[in-house]
């Protein structure tokens, strides 16, 4: 039980996700998705051209 409380306290103070950090993560993920989609489209086009 004590371990559960200690882990909850550590989580509370160590894991922080501000709005600014959230926005930064979303931008990175959106960029990654666009890049992956562009690569898939290029691969598909290359396969169709062959």
N, C-alpha and C. Protein backbone atom coordinates (compact mmCIF):
# COMPACT_ATOMS: atom_id res chain seq x y z
N UNK A 1 0.82 -1.19 0.00
CA UNK A 1 0.00 0.00 0.00
C UNK A 1 0.87 1.26 0.00
N UNK A 2 1.92 1.22 0.79
CA UNK A 2 2.83 2.37 0.85
C UNK A 2 3.51 2.57 -0.49
N UNK A 3 3.88 1.48 -1.14
CA UNK A 3 4.53 1.56 -2.45
C UNK A 3 3.59 2.22 -3.47
N UNK A 4 2.33 1.92 -3.38
CA UNK A 4 1.34 2.53 -4.27
C UNK A 4 1.27 4.04 -4.06
N UNK A 5 1.27 4.46 -2.83
CA UNK A 5 1.23 5.90 -2.51
C UNK A 5 2.50 6.58 -2.99
N UNK A 6 3.64 5.96 -2.74
CA UNK A 6 4.92 6.53 -3.16
C UNK A 6 4.96 6.66 -4.68
N UNK A 7 4.53 5.61 -5.39
CA UNK A 7 4.56 5.67 -6.86
C UNK A 7 3.60 6.74 -7.38
N UNK A 8 2.46 6.91 -6.73
CA UNK A 8 1.52 7.95 -7.13
C UNK A 8 2.13 9.34 -6.92
N UNK A 9 2.83 9.53 -5.83
CA UNK A 9 3.47 10.82 -5.57
C UNK A 9 4.58 11.10 -6.58
N UNK A 10 5.37 10.10 -6.88
CA UNK A 10 6.44 10.27 -7.87
C UNK A 10 5.82 10.64 -9.21
N UNK A 11 4.79 9.94 -9.60
CA UNK A 11 4.12 10.23 -10.87
C UNK A 11 3.59 11.67 -10.87
N UNK A 12 2.97 12.06 -9.79
CA UNK A 12 2.38 13.40 -9.69
C UNK A 12 3.42 14.50 -9.89
N UNK A 13 4.61 14.32 -9.34
CA UNK A 13 5.61 15.37 -9.39
C UNK A 13 6.57 15.25 -10.56
N UNK A 14 6.73 14.07 -11.12
CA UNK A 14 7.69 13.88 -12.20
C UNK A 14 7.08 13.99 -13.58
N UNK A 15 5.85 13.55 -13.74
CA UNK A 15 5.22 13.53 -15.04
C UNK A 15 4.35 14.78 -15.18
N UNK A 16 4.83 15.70 -15.98
CA UNK A 16 4.05 16.92 -16.22
C UNK A 16 3.91 17.12 -17.72
N UNK A 17 2.73 17.48 -18.13
CA UNK A 17 2.47 17.72 -19.54
C UNK A 17 1.71 19.04 -19.65
N UNK A 18 2.46 20.08 -19.93
CA UNK A 18 1.85 21.40 -20.05
C UNK A 18 1.20 21.53 -21.43
N UNK A 19 0.43 22.56 -21.60
CA UNK A 19 -0.20 22.81 -22.89
C UNK A 19 0.86 23.04 -23.97
N UNK A 20 1.93 23.73 -23.59
CA UNK A 20 3.01 24.01 -24.54
C UNK A 20 3.67 22.71 -25.00
N UNK A 21 3.97 21.84 -24.05
CA UNK A 21 4.61 20.56 -24.38
C UNK A 21 3.66 19.69 -25.20
N UNK A 22 2.38 19.71 -24.87
CA UNK A 22 1.39 18.94 -25.61
C UNK A 22 1.34 19.41 -27.07
N UNK A 23 1.32 20.73 -27.27
CA UNK A 23 1.29 21.28 -28.63
C UNK A 23 2.54 20.88 -29.41
N UNK A 24 3.68 20.87 -28.74
CA UNK A 24 4.93 20.48 -29.39
C UNK A 24 4.88 19.02 -29.83
N UNK A 25 4.37 18.16 -28.98
CA UNK A 25 4.26 16.74 -29.30
C UNK A 25 3.31 16.52 -30.47
N UNK A 26 2.18 17.23 -30.46
CA UNK A 26 1.21 17.10 -31.54
C UNK A 26 1.82 17.53 -32.87
N UNK A 27 2.56 18.63 -32.87
CA UNK A 27 3.21 19.09 -34.10
C UNK A 27 4.19 18.05 -34.64
N UNK A 28 4.98 17.46 -33.75
CA UNK A 28 5.94 16.44 -34.16
C UNK A 28 5.23 15.23 -34.76
N UNK A 29 4.15 14.81 -34.12
CA UNK A 29 3.40 13.66 -34.63
C UNK A 29 2.74 13.96 -35.97
N UNK A 30 2.19 15.16 -36.12
CA UNK A 30 1.58 15.53 -37.39
C UNK A 30 2.62 15.55 -38.51
N UNK A 31 3.80 16.07 -38.20
CA UNK A 31 4.87 16.11 -39.20
C UNK A 31 5.30 14.69 -39.58
N UNK A 32 5.41 13.82 -38.58
CA UNK A 32 5.81 12.44 -38.83
C UNK A 32 4.77 11.72 -39.70
N UNK A 33 3.50 11.96 -39.41
CA UNK A 33 2.44 11.32 -40.19
C UNK A 33 2.46 11.81 -41.63
N UNK A 34 2.64 13.11 -41.83
CA UNK A 34 2.70 13.65 -43.20
C UNK A 34 3.87 13.04 -43.96
N UNK A 35 5.02 12.92 -43.30
CA UNK A 35 6.21 12.35 -43.94
C UNK A 35 5.97 10.90 -44.31
N UNK A 36 5.39 10.13 -43.39
CA UNK A 36 5.12 8.73 -43.66
C UNK A 36 4.12 8.58 -44.80
N UNK A 37 3.09 9.40 -44.82
CA UNK A 37 2.09 9.33 -45.88
C UNK A 37 2.71 9.69 -47.23
N UNK A 38 3.59 10.68 -47.25
CA UNK A 38 4.26 11.07 -48.49
C UNK A 38 5.15 9.94 -48.99
N UNK A 39 5.85 9.28 -48.08
CA UNK A 39 6.72 8.16 -48.46
C UNK A 39 5.89 7.00 -49.01
N UNK A 40 4.76 6.70 -48.37
CA UNK A 40 3.90 5.63 -48.85
C UNK A 40 3.34 5.95 -50.22
N UNK A 41 2.96 7.20 -50.44
CA UNK A 41 2.42 7.61 -51.73
C UNK A 41 3.49 7.49 -52.80
N UNK A 42 4.72 7.88 -52.47
CA UNK A 42 5.82 7.78 -53.44
C UNK A 42 6.12 6.32 -53.75
N UNK A 43 6.09 5.45 -52.75
CA UNK A 43 6.32 4.03 -52.98
C UNK A 43 5.23 3.42 -53.85
N UNK A 44 4.00 3.80 -53.58
CA UNK A 44 2.88 3.28 -54.36
C UNK A 44 2.98 3.74 -55.80
N UNK A 45 3.32 5.01 -55.99
CA UNK A 45 3.47 5.54 -57.35
C UNK A 45 4.60 4.84 -58.08
N UNK A 46 5.70 4.59 -57.39
CA UNK A 46 6.85 3.92 -58.01
C UNK A 46 6.47 2.49 -58.42
N UNK A 47 5.68 1.82 -57.58
CA UNK A 47 5.25 0.47 -57.92
C UNK A 47 4.30 0.46 -59.12
N UNK A 48 3.44 1.46 -59.21
CA UNK A 48 2.51 1.54 -60.32
C UNK A 48 3.22 1.88 -61.63
N UNK A 49 4.29 2.67 -61.54
CA UNK A 49 5.04 3.06 -62.73
C UNK A 49 5.83 1.89 -63.30
N UNK A 50 6.15 0.91 -62.48
CA UNK A 50 6.93 -0.25 -62.96
C UNK A 50 6.00 -1.17 -63.62
